[in-house]
mmCIF file of all heavy atoms, coordinates in Angstrom:
data_MODEL
# 
_entry.id   MODEL 
# 
loop_
_atom_site.group_PDB 
_atom_site.id 
_atom_site.type_symbol 
_atom_site.label_atom_id 
_atom_site.label_alt_id 
_atom_site.label_comp_id 
_atom_site.label_asym_id 
_atom_site.label_entity_id 
_atom_site.label_seq_id 
_atom_site.pdbx_PDB_ins_code 
_atom_site.Cartn_x 
_atom_site.Cartn_y 
_atom_site.Cartn_z 
_atom_site.occupancy 
_atom_site.B_iso_or_equiv 
_atom_site.pdbx_formal_charge 
_atom_site.auth_seq_id 
_atom_site.auth_comp_id 
_atom_site.auth_asym_id 
_atom_site.auth_atom_id 
_atom_site.pdbx_PDB_model_num 
ATOM 1   N N   . ASP A 1 1  ? -3.291 2.789   -10.711 1.00 0.00 ? 1  ASP A N   1 
ATOM 2   C CA  . ASP A 1 1  ? -3.628 1.425   -10.295 1.00 0.00 ? 1  ASP A CA  1 
ATOM 3   C C   . ASP A 1 1  ? -2.362 0.616   -10.031 1.00 0.00 ? 1  ASP A C   1 
ATOM 4   O O   . ASP A 1 1  ? -2.263 -0.097  -9.028  1.00 0.00 ? 1  ASP A O   1 
ATOM 5   C CB  . ASP A 1 1  ? -4.458 0.710   -11.363 1.00 0.00 ? 1  ASP A CB  1 
ATOM 6   C CG  . ASP A 1 1  ? -5.902 1.156   -11.394 1.00 0.00 ? 1  ASP A CG  1 
ATOM 7   O OD1 . ASP A 1 1  ? -6.314 1.915   -10.483 1.00 0.00 ? 1  ASP A OD1 1 
ATOM 8   O OD2 . ASP A 1 1  ? -6.620 0.749   -12.319 1.00 0.00 ? 1  ASP A OD2 1 
ATOM 9   N N   . ILE A 1 2  ? -1.404 0.727   -10.928 1.00 0.00 ? 2  ILE A N   1 
ATOM 10  C CA  . ILE A 1 2  ? -0.151 -0.017  -10.799 1.00 0.00 ? 2  ILE A CA  1 
ATOM 11  C C   . ILE A 1 2  ? 0.613  0.447   -9.559  1.00 0.00 ? 2  ILE A C   1 
ATOM 12  O O   . ILE A 1 2  ? 1.108  -0.371  -8.771  1.00 0.00 ? 2  ILE A O   1 
ATOM 13  C CB  . ILE A 1 2  ? 0.706  0.144   -12.071 1.00 0.00 ? 2  ILE A CB  1 
ATOM 14  C CG1 . ILE A 1 2  ? 0.034  -0.581  -13.236 1.00 0.00 ? 2  ILE A CG1 1 
ATOM 15  C CG2 . ILE A 1 2  ? 2.131  -0.370  -11.852 1.00 0.00 ? 2  ILE A CG2 1 
ATOM 16  C CD1 . ILE A 1 2  ? 0.602  -0.230  -14.597 1.00 0.00 ? 2  ILE A CD1 1 
ATOM 17  N N   . ARG A 1 3  ? 0.687  1.756   -9.356  1.00 0.00 ? 3  ARG A N   1 
ATOM 18  C CA  . ARG A 1 3  ? 1.393  2.286   -8.180  1.00 0.00 ? 3  ARG A CA  1 
ATOM 19  C C   . ARG A 1 3  ? 0.711  1.870   -6.888  1.00 0.00 ? 3  ARG A C   1 
ATOM 20  O O   . ARG A 1 3  ? 1.370  1.471   -5.920  1.00 0.00 ? 3  ARG A O   1 
ATOM 21  C CB  . ARG A 1 3  ? 1.467  3.812   -8.250  1.00 0.00 ? 3  ARG A CB  1 
ATOM 22  C CG  . ARG A 1 3  ? 2.513  4.295   -9.238  1.00 0.00 ? 3  ARG A CG  1 
ATOM 23  C CD  . ARG A 1 3  ? 2.730  5.768   -9.168  1.00 0.00 ? 3  ARG A CD  1 
ATOM 24  N NE  . ARG A 1 3  ? 3.142  6.159   -7.825  1.00 0.00 ? 3  ARG A NE  1 
ATOM 25  C CZ  . ARG A 1 3  ? 3.018  7.392   -7.351  1.00 0.00 ? 3  ARG A CZ  1 
ATOM 26  N NH1 . ARG A 1 3  ? 2.502  8.340   -8.083  1.00 0.00 ? 3  ARG A NH1 1 
ATOM 27  N NH2 . ARG A 1 3  ? 3.420  7.678   -6.136  1.00 0.00 ? 3  ARG A NH2 1 
ATOM 28  N N   . LEU A 1 4  ? -0.624 1.955   -6.858  1.00 0.00 ? 4  LEU A N   1 
ATOM 29  C CA  . LEU A 1 4  ? -1.358 1.585   -5.647  1.00 0.00 ? 4  LEU A CA  1 
ATOM 30  C C   . LEU A 1 4  ? -1.211 0.100   -5.358  1.00 0.00 ? 4  LEU A C   1 
ATOM 31  O O   . LEU A 1 4  ? -0.989 -0.297  -4.209  1.00 0.00 ? 4  LEU A O   1 
ATOM 32  C CB  . LEU A 1 4  ? -2.833 1.974   -5.779  1.00 0.00 ? 4  LEU A CB  1 
ATOM 33  C CG  . LEU A 1 4  ? -3.719 1.699   -4.566  1.00 0.00 ? 4  LEU A CG  1 
ATOM 34  C CD1 . LEU A 1 4  ? -3.169 2.366   -3.315  1.00 0.00 ? 4  LEU A CD1 1 
ATOM 35  C CD2 . LEU A 1 4  ? -5.140 2.170   -4.849  1.00 0.00 ? 4  LEU A CD2 1 
ATOM 36  N N   . ALA A 1 5  ? -1.279 -0.729  -6.393  1.00 0.00 ? 5  ALA A N   1 
ATOM 37  C CA  . ALA A 1 5  ? -1.092 -2.171  -6.197  1.00 0.00 ? 5  ALA A CA  1 
ATOM 38  C C   . ALA A 1 5  ? 0.309  -2.460  -5.662  1.00 0.00 ? 5  ALA A C   1 
ATOM 39  O O   . ALA A 1 5  ? 0.483  -3.306  -4.776  1.00 0.00 ? 5  ALA A O   1 
ATOM 40  C CB  . ALA A 1 5  ? -1.333 -2.927  -7.501  1.00 0.00 ? 5  ALA A CB  1 
ATOM 41  N N   . GLY A 1 6  ? 1.308  -1.755  -6.147  1.00 0.00 ? 6  GLY A N   1 
ATOM 42  C CA  . GLY A 1 6  ? 2.680  -1.936  -5.659  1.00 0.00 ? 6  GLY A CA  1 
ATOM 43  C C   . GLY A 1 6  ? 2.829  -1.525  -4.206  1.00 0.00 ? 6  GLY A C   1 
ATOM 44  O O   . GLY A 1 6  ? 3.460  -2.229  -3.407  1.00 0.00 ? 6  GLY A O   1 
ATOM 45  N N   . GLN A 1 7  ? 2.268  -0.378  -3.851  1.00 0.00 ? 7  GLN A N   1 
ATOM 46  C CA  . GLN A 1 7  ? 2.336  0.076   -2.456  1.00 0.00 ? 7  GLN A CA  1 
ATOM 47  C C   . GLN A 1 7  ? 1.616  -0.896  -1.526  1.00 0.00 ? 7  GLN A C   1 
ATOM 48  O O   . GLN A 1 7  ? 2.103  -1.218  -0.446  1.00 0.00 ? 7  GLN A O   1 
ATOM 49  C CB  . GLN A 1 7  ? 1.717  1.477   -2.315  1.00 0.00 ? 7  GLN A CB  1 
ATOM 50  C CG  . GLN A 1 7  ? 2.502  2.580   -2.980  1.00 0.00 ? 7  GLN A CG  1 
ATOM 51  C CD  . GLN A 1 7  ? 3.821  2.864   -2.296  1.00 0.00 ? 7  GLN A CD  1 
ATOM 52  O OE1 . GLN A 1 7  ? 3.997  2.614   -1.116  1.00 0.00 ? 7  GLN A OE1 1 
ATOM 53  N NE2 . GLN A 1 7  ? 4.766  3.392   -3.053  1.00 0.00 ? 7  GLN A NE2 1 
ATOM 54  N N   . LEU A 1 8  ? 0.444  -1.371  -1.959  1.00 0.00 ? 8  LEU A N   1 
ATOM 55  C CA  . LEU A 1 8  ? -0.314 -2.311  -1.135  1.00 0.00 ? 8  LEU A CA  1 
ATOM 56  C C   . LEU A 1 8  ? 0.398  -3.656  -1.015  1.00 0.00 ? 8  LEU A C   1 
ATOM 57  O O   . LEU A 1 8  ? 0.348  -4.298  0.038   1.00 0.00 ? 8  LEU A O   1 
ATOM 58  C CB  . LEU A 1 8  ? -1.726 -2.490  -1.686  1.00 0.00 ? 8  LEU A CB  1 
ATOM 59  C CG  . LEU A 1 8  ? -2.662 -1.297  -1.497  1.00 0.00 ? 8  LEU A CG  1 
ATOM 60  C CD1 . LEU A 1 8  ? -3.978 -1.531  -2.230  1.00 0.00 ? 8  LEU A CD1 1 
ATOM 61  C CD2 . LEU A 1 8  ? -2.900 -0.998  -0.031  1.00 0.00 ? 8  LEU A CD2 1 
ATOM 62  N N   . THR A 1 9  ? 1.065  -4.083  -2.075  1.00 0.00 ? 9  THR A N   1 
ATOM 63  C CA  . THR A 1 9  ? 1.814  -5.340  -2.014  1.00 0.00 ? 9  THR A CA  1 
ATOM 64  C C   . THR A 1 9  ? 2.976  -5.226  -1.023  1.00 0.00 ? 9  THR A C   1 
ATOM 65  O O   . THR A 1 9  ? 3.240  -6.152  -0.243  1.00 0.00 ? 9  THR A O   1 
ATOM 66  C CB  . THR A 1 9  ? 2.327  -5.736  -3.413  1.00 0.00 ? 9  THR A CB  1 
ATOM 67  O OG1 . THR A 1 9  ? 1.205  -5.885  -4.286  1.00 0.00 ? 9  THR A OG1 1 
ATOM 68  C CG2 . THR A 1 9  ? 3.108  -7.037  -3.383  1.00 0.00 ? 9  THR A CG2 1 
ATOM 69  N N   . ALA A 1 10 ? 3.662  -4.091  -1.030  1.00 0.00 ? 10 ALA A N   1 
ATOM 70  C CA  . ALA A 1 10 ? 4.737  -3.873  -0.053  1.00 0.00 ? 10 ALA A CA  1 
ATOM 71  C C   . ALA A 1 10 ? 4.170  -3.851  1.366   1.00 0.00 ? 10 ALA A C   1 
ATOM 72  O O   . ALA A 1 10 ? 4.753  -4.442  2.283   1.00 0.00 ? 10 ALA A O   1 
ATOM 73  C CB  . ALA A 1 10 ? 5.464  -2.564  -0.363  1.00 0.00 ? 10 ALA A CB  1 
ATOM 74  N N   . LEU A 1 11 ? 3.013  -3.203  1.549   1.00 0.00 ? 11 LEU A N   1 
ATOM 75  C CA  . LEU A 1 11 ? 2.366  -3.181  2.863   1.00 0.00 ? 11 LEU A CA  1 
ATOM 76  C C   . LEU A 1 11 ? 1.949  -4.587  3.277   1.00 0.00 ? 11 LEU A C   1 
ATOM 77  O O   . LEU A 1 11 ? 2.079  -4.964  4.448   1.00 0.00 ? 11 LEU A O   1 
ATOM 78  C CB  . LEU A 1 11 ? 1.156  -2.243  2.835   1.00 0.00 ? 11 LEU A CB  1 
ATOM 79  C CG  . LEU A 1 11 ? 0.343  -2.121  4.119   1.00 0.00 ? 11 LEU A CG  1 
ATOM 80  C CD1 . LEU A 1 11 ? 1.207  -1.627  5.278   1.00 0.00 ? 11 LEU A CD1 1 
ATOM 81  C CD2 . LEU A 1 11 ? -0.846 -1.197  3.895   1.00 0.00 ? 11 LEU A CD2 1 
ATOM 82  N N   . LEU A 1 12 ? 1.500  -5.377  2.332   1.00 0.00 ? 12 LEU A N   1 
ATOM 83  C CA  . LEU A 1 12 ? 1.112  -6.760  2.616   1.00 0.00 ? 12 LEU A CA  1 
ATOM 84  C C   . LEU A 1 12 ? 2.313  -7.568  3.114   1.00 0.00 ? 12 LEU A C   1 
ATOM 85  O O   . LEU A 1 12 ? 2.196  -8.343  4.063   1.00 0.00 ? 12 LEU A O   1 
ATOM 86  C CB  . LEU A 1 12 ? 0.510  -7.409  1.370   1.00 0.00 ? 12 LEU A CB  1 
ATOM 87  C CG  . LEU A 1 12 ? 0.149  -8.884  1.462   1.00 0.00 ? 12 LEU A CG  1 
ATOM 88  C CD1 . LEU A 1 12 ? -0.927 -9.107  2.516   1.00 0.00 ? 12 LEU A CD1 1 
ATOM 89  C CD2 . LEU A 1 12 ? -0.312 -9.392  0.106   1.00 0.00 ? 12 LEU A CD2 1 
ATOM 90  N N   . THR A 1 13 ? 3.453  -7.379  2.506   1.00 0.00 ? 13 THR A N   1 
ATOM 91  C CA  . THR A 1 13 ? 4.658  -8.104  2.912   1.00 0.00 ? 13 THR A CA  1 
ATOM 92  C C   . THR A 1 13 ? 5.033  -7.768  4.353   1.00 0.00 ? 13 THR A C   1 
ATOM 93  O O   . THR A 1 13 ? 5.328  -8.665  5.156   1.00 0.00 ? 13 THR A O   1 
ATOM 94  C CB  . THR A 1 13 ? 5.823  -7.754  1.961   1.00 0.00 ? 13 THR A CB  1 
ATOM 95  O OG1 . THR A 1 13 ? 5.456  -8.124  0.632   1.00 0.00 ? 13 THR A OG1 1 
ATOM 96  C CG2 . THR A 1 13 ? 7.094  -8.486  2.344   1.00 0.00 ? 13 THR A CG2 1 
ATOM 97  N N   . VAL A 1 14 ? 4.987  -6.494  4.699   1.00 0.00 ? 14 VAL A N   1 
ATOM 98  C CA  . VAL A 1 14 ? 5.324  -6.089  6.064   1.00 0.00 ? 14 VAL A CA  1 
ATOM 99  C C   . VAL A 1 14 ? 4.255  -6.583  7.041   1.00 0.00 ? 14 VAL A C   1 
ATOM 100 O O   . VAL A 1 14 ? 4.571  -7.035  8.144   1.00 0.00 ? 14 VAL A O   1 
ATOM 101 C CB  . VAL A 1 14 ? 5.502  -4.557  6.143   1.00 0.00 ? 14 VAL A CB  1 
ATOM 102 C CG1 . VAL A 1 14 ? 5.732  -4.105  7.576   1.00 0.00 ? 14 VAL A CG1 1 
ATOM 103 C CG2 . VAL A 1 14 ? 6.657  -4.116  5.271   1.00 0.00 ? 14 VAL A CG2 1 
ATOM 104 N N   . THR A 1 15 ? 2.989  -6.538  6.641   1.00 0.00 ? 15 THR A N   1 
ATOM 105 C CA  . THR A 1 15 ? 1.904  -7.018  7.499   1.00 0.00 ? 15 THR A CA  1 
ATOM 106 C C   . THR A 1 15 ? 2.048  -8.512  7.758   1.00 0.00 ? 15 THR A C   1 
ATOM 107 O O   . THR A 1 15 ? 1.849  -8.976  8.887   1.00 0.00 ? 15 THR A O   1 
ATOM 108 C CB  . THR A 1 15 ? 0.537  -6.699  6.861   1.00 0.00 ? 15 THR A CB  1 
ATOM 109 O OG1 . THR A 1 15 ? 0.451  -5.294  6.634   1.00 0.00 ? 15 THR A OG1 1 
ATOM 110 C CG2 . THR A 1 15 ? -0.611 -7.133  7.750   1.00 0.00 ? 15 THR A CG2 1 
ATOM 111 N N   . ASP A 1 16 ? 2.403  -9.275  6.723   1.00 0.00 ? 16 ASP A N   1 
ATOM 112 C CA  . ASP A 1 16 ? 2.643  -10.709 6.914   1.00 0.00 ? 16 ASP A CA  1 
ATOM 113 C C   . ASP A 1 16 ? 3.781  -10.958 7.890   1.00 0.00 ? 16 ASP A C   1 
ATOM 114 O O   . ASP A 1 16 ? 3.718  -11.867 8.723   1.00 0.00 ? 16 ASP A O   1 
ATOM 115 C CB  . ASP A 1 16 ? 2.947  -11.388 5.574   1.00 0.00 ? 16 ASP A CB  1 
ATOM 116 C CG  . ASP A 1 16 ? 1.712  -11.651 4.735   1.00 0.00 ? 16 ASP A CG  1 
ATOM 117 O OD1 . ASP A 1 16 ? 0.593  -11.648 5.303   1.00 0.00 ? 16 ASP A OD1 1 
ATOM 118 O OD2 . ASP A 1 16 ? 1.858  -11.873 3.523   1.00 0.00 ? 16 ASP A OD2 1 
ATOM 119 N N   . GLU A 1 17 ? 4.833  -10.156 7.788   1.00 0.00 ? 17 GLU A N   1 
ATOM 120 C CA  . GLU A 1 17 ? 5.979  -10.290 8.701   1.00 0.00 ? 17 GLU A CA  1 
ATOM 121 C C   . GLU A 1 17 ? 5.552  -9.984  10.137  1.00 0.00 ? 17 GLU A C   1 
ATOM 122 O O   . GLU A 1 17 ? 5.902  -10.717 11.070  1.00 0.00 ? 17 GLU A O   1 
ATOM 123 C CB  . GLU A 1 17 ? 7.096  -9.342  8.274   1.00 0.00 ? 17 GLU A CB  1 
ATOM 124 C CG  . GLU A 1 17 ? 8.304  -9.363  9.155   1.00 0.00 ? 17 GLU A CG  1 
ATOM 125 C CD  . GLU A 1 17 ? 9.285  -10.469 8.821   1.00 0.00 ? 17 GLU A CD  1 
ATOM 126 O OE1 . GLU A 1 17 ? 9.229  -11.014 7.713   1.00 0.00 ? 17 GLU A OE1 1 
ATOM 127 O OE2 . GLU A 1 17 ? 10.110 -10.790 9.693   1.00 0.00 ? 17 GLU A OE2 1 
ATOM 128 N N   . LEU A 1 18 ? 4.780  -8.925  10.327  1.00 0.00 ? 18 LEU A N   1 
ATOM 129 C CA  . LEU A 1 18 ? 4.306  -8.583  11.666  1.00 0.00 ? 18 LEU A CA  1 
ATOM 130 C C   . LEU A 1 18 ? 3.359  -9.664  12.206  1.00 0.00 ? 18 LEU A C   1 
ATOM 131 O O   . LEU A 1 18 ? 3.388  -9.996  13.395  1.00 0.00 ? 18 LEU A O   1 
ATOM 132 C CB  . LEU A 1 18 ? 3.617  -7.222  11.655  1.00 0.00 ? 18 LEU A CB  1 
ATOM 133 C CG  . LEU A 1 18 ? 4.550  -6.022  11.520  1.00 0.00 ? 18 LEU A CG  1 
ATOM 134 C CD1 . LEU A 1 18 ? 3.754  -4.763  11.207  1.00 0.00 ? 18 LEU A CD1 1 
ATOM 135 C CD2 . LEU A 1 18 ? 5.374  -5.842  12.781  1.00 0.00 ? 18 LEU A CD2 1 
ATOM 136 N N   . HIS A 1 19 ? 2.537  -10.238 11.331  1.00 0.00 ? 19 HIS A N   1 
ATOM 137 C CA  . HIS A 1 19 ? 1.635  -11.316 11.744  1.00 0.00 ? 19 HIS A CA  1 
ATOM 138 C C   . HIS A 1 19 ? 2.434  -12.529 12.201  1.00 0.00 ? 19 HIS A C   1 
ATOM 139 O O   . HIS A 1 19 ? 2.121  -13.154 13.222  1.00 0.00 ? 19 HIS A O   1 
ATOM 140 C CB  . HIS A 1 19 ? 0.693  -11.697 10.603  1.00 0.00 ? 19 HIS A CB  1 
ATOM 141 C CG  . HIS A 1 19 ? -0.137 -12.892 10.909  1.00 0.00 ? 19 HIS A CG  1 
ATOM 142 N ND1 . HIS A 1 19 ? 0.125  -14.125 10.357  1.00 0.00 ? 19 HIS A ND1 1 
ATOM 143 C CD2 . HIS A 1 19 ? -1.194 -13.060 11.727  1.00 0.00 ? 19 HIS A CD2 1 
ATOM 144 C CE1 . HIS A 1 19 ? -0.749 -15.000 10.830  1.00 0.00 ? 19 HIS A CE1 1 
ATOM 145 N NE2 . HIS A 1 19 ? -1.556 -14.375 11.660  1.00 0.00 ? 19 HIS A NE2 1 
ATOM 146 N N   . ALA A 1 20 ? 3.461  -12.880 11.457  1.00 0.00 ? 20 ALA A N   1 
ATOM 147 C CA  . ALA A 1 20 ? 4.299  -14.026 11.829  1.00 0.00 ? 20 ALA A CA  1 
ATOM 148 C C   . ALA A 1 20 ? 4.954  -13.787 13.191  1.00 0.00 ? 20 ALA A C   1 
ATOM 149 O O   . ALA A 1 20 ? 5.040  -14.702 14.013  1.00 0.00 ? 20 ALA A O   1 
ATOM 150 C CB  . ALA A 1 20 ? 5.364  -14.276 10.764  1.00 0.00 ? 20 ALA A CB  1 
ATOM 151 N N   . ARG A 1 21 ? 5.406  -12.563 13.452  1.00 0.00 ? 21 ARG A N   1 
ATOM 152 C CA  . ARG A 1 21 ? 6.011  -12.238 14.744  1.00 0.00 ? 21 ARG A CA  1 
ATOM 153 C C   . ARG A 1 21 ? 4.993  -12.342 15.870  1.00 0.00 ? 21 ARG A C   1 
ATOM 154 O O   . ARG A 1 21 ? 5.292  -12.864 16.936  1.00 0.00 ? 21 ARG A O   1 
ATOM 155 C CB  . ARG A 1 21 ? 6.592  -10.827 14.717  1.00 0.00 ? 21 ARG A CB  1 
ATOM 156 C CG  . ARG A 1 21 ? 7.818  -10.728 13.899  1.00 0.00 ? 21 ARG A CG  1 
ATOM 157 C CD  . ARG A 1 21 ? 8.224  -9.267  13.716  1.00 0.00 ? 21 ARG A CD  1 
ATOM 158 N NE  . ARG A 1 21 ? 9.480  -9.270  13.040  1.00 0.00 ? 21 ARG A NE  1 
ATOM 159 C CZ  . ARG A 1 21 ? 10.651 -9.476  13.637  1.00 0.00 ? 21 ARG A CZ  1 
ATOM 160 N NH1 . ARG A 1 21 ? 10.716 -9.673  14.918  1.00 0.00 ? 21 ARG A NH1 1 
ATOM 161 N NH2 . ARG A 1 21 ? 11.755 -9.495  12.945  1.00 0.00 ? 21 ARG A NH2 1 
ATOM 162 N N   . ALA A 1 22 ? 3.785  -11.826 15.637  1.00 0.00 ? 22 ALA A N   1 
ATOM 163 C CA  . ALA A 1 22 ? 2.737  -11.882 16.666  1.00 0.00 ? 22 ALA A CA  1 
ATOM 164 C C   . ALA A 1 22 ? 2.351  -13.329 16.956  1.00 0.00 ? 22 ALA A C   1 
ATOM 165 O O   . ALA A 1 22 ? 2.130  -13.701 18.110  1.00 0.00 ? 22 ALA A O   1 
ATOM 166 C CB  . ALA A 1 22 ? 1.511  -11.086 16.215  1.00 0.00 ? 22 ALA A CB  1 
ATOM 167 N N   . THR A 1 23 ? 2.302  -14.149 15.929  1.00 0.00 ? 23 THR A N   1 
ATOM 168 C CA  . THR A 1 23 ? 1.967  -15.560 16.093  1.00 0.00 ? 23 THR A CA  1 
ATOM 169 C C   . THR A 1 23 ? 3.070  -16.282 16.862  1.00 0.00 ? 23 THR A C   1 
ATOM 170 O O   . THR A 1 23 ? 2.801  -17.069 17.763  1.00 0.00 ? 23 THR A O   1 
ATOM 171 C CB  . THR A 1 23 ? 1.751  -16.217 14.717  1.00 0.00 ? 23 THR A CB  1 
ATOM 172 O OG1 . THR A 1 23 ? 0.710  -15.516 14.052  1.00 0.00 ? 23 THR A OG1 1 
ATOM 173 C CG2 . THR A 1 23 ? 1.371  -17.665 14.854  1.00 0.00 ? 23 THR A CG2 1 
ATOM 174 N N   . ARG A 1 24 ? 4.329  -15.992 16.508  1.00 0.00 ? 24 ARG A N   1 
ATOM 175 C CA  . ARG A 1 24 ? 5.469  -16.599 17.201  1.00 0.00 ? 24 ARG A CA  1 
ATOM 176 C C   . ARG A 1 24 ? 5.488  -16.190 18.668  1.00 0.00 ? 24 ARG A C   1 
ATOM 177 O O   . ARG A 1 24 ? 5.720  -17.009 19.549  1.00 0.00 ? 24 ARG A O   1 
ATOM 178 C CB  . ARG A 1 24 ? 6.764  -16.135 16.530  1.00 0.00 ? 24 ARG A CB  1 
ATOM 179 C CG  . ARG A 1 24 ? 7.617  -17.240 16.049  1.00 0.00 ? 24 ARG A CG  1 
ATOM 180 C CD  . ARG A 1 24 ? 8.970  -16.811 15.509  1.00 0.00 ? 24 ARG A CD  1 
ATOM 181 N NE  . ARG A 1 24 ? 9.164  -15.414 15.176  1.00 0.00 ? 24 ARG A NE  1 
ATOM 182 C CZ  . ARG A 1 24 ? 9.330  -14.959 13.937  1.00 0.00 ? 24 ARG A CZ  1 
ATOM 183 N NH1 . ARG A 1 24 ? 9.290  -15.775 12.913  1.00 0.00 ? 24 ARG A NH1 1 
ATOM 184 N NH2 . ARG A 1 24 ? 9.536  -13.684 13.718  1.00 0.00 ? 24 ARG A NH2 1 
# 
């Protein structure tokens, strides 16, 4: 659970960055 939450949190950070770029 801890490992999966960590991997998903890292994926969330990159997804947010890609979203910000697409919005810009």
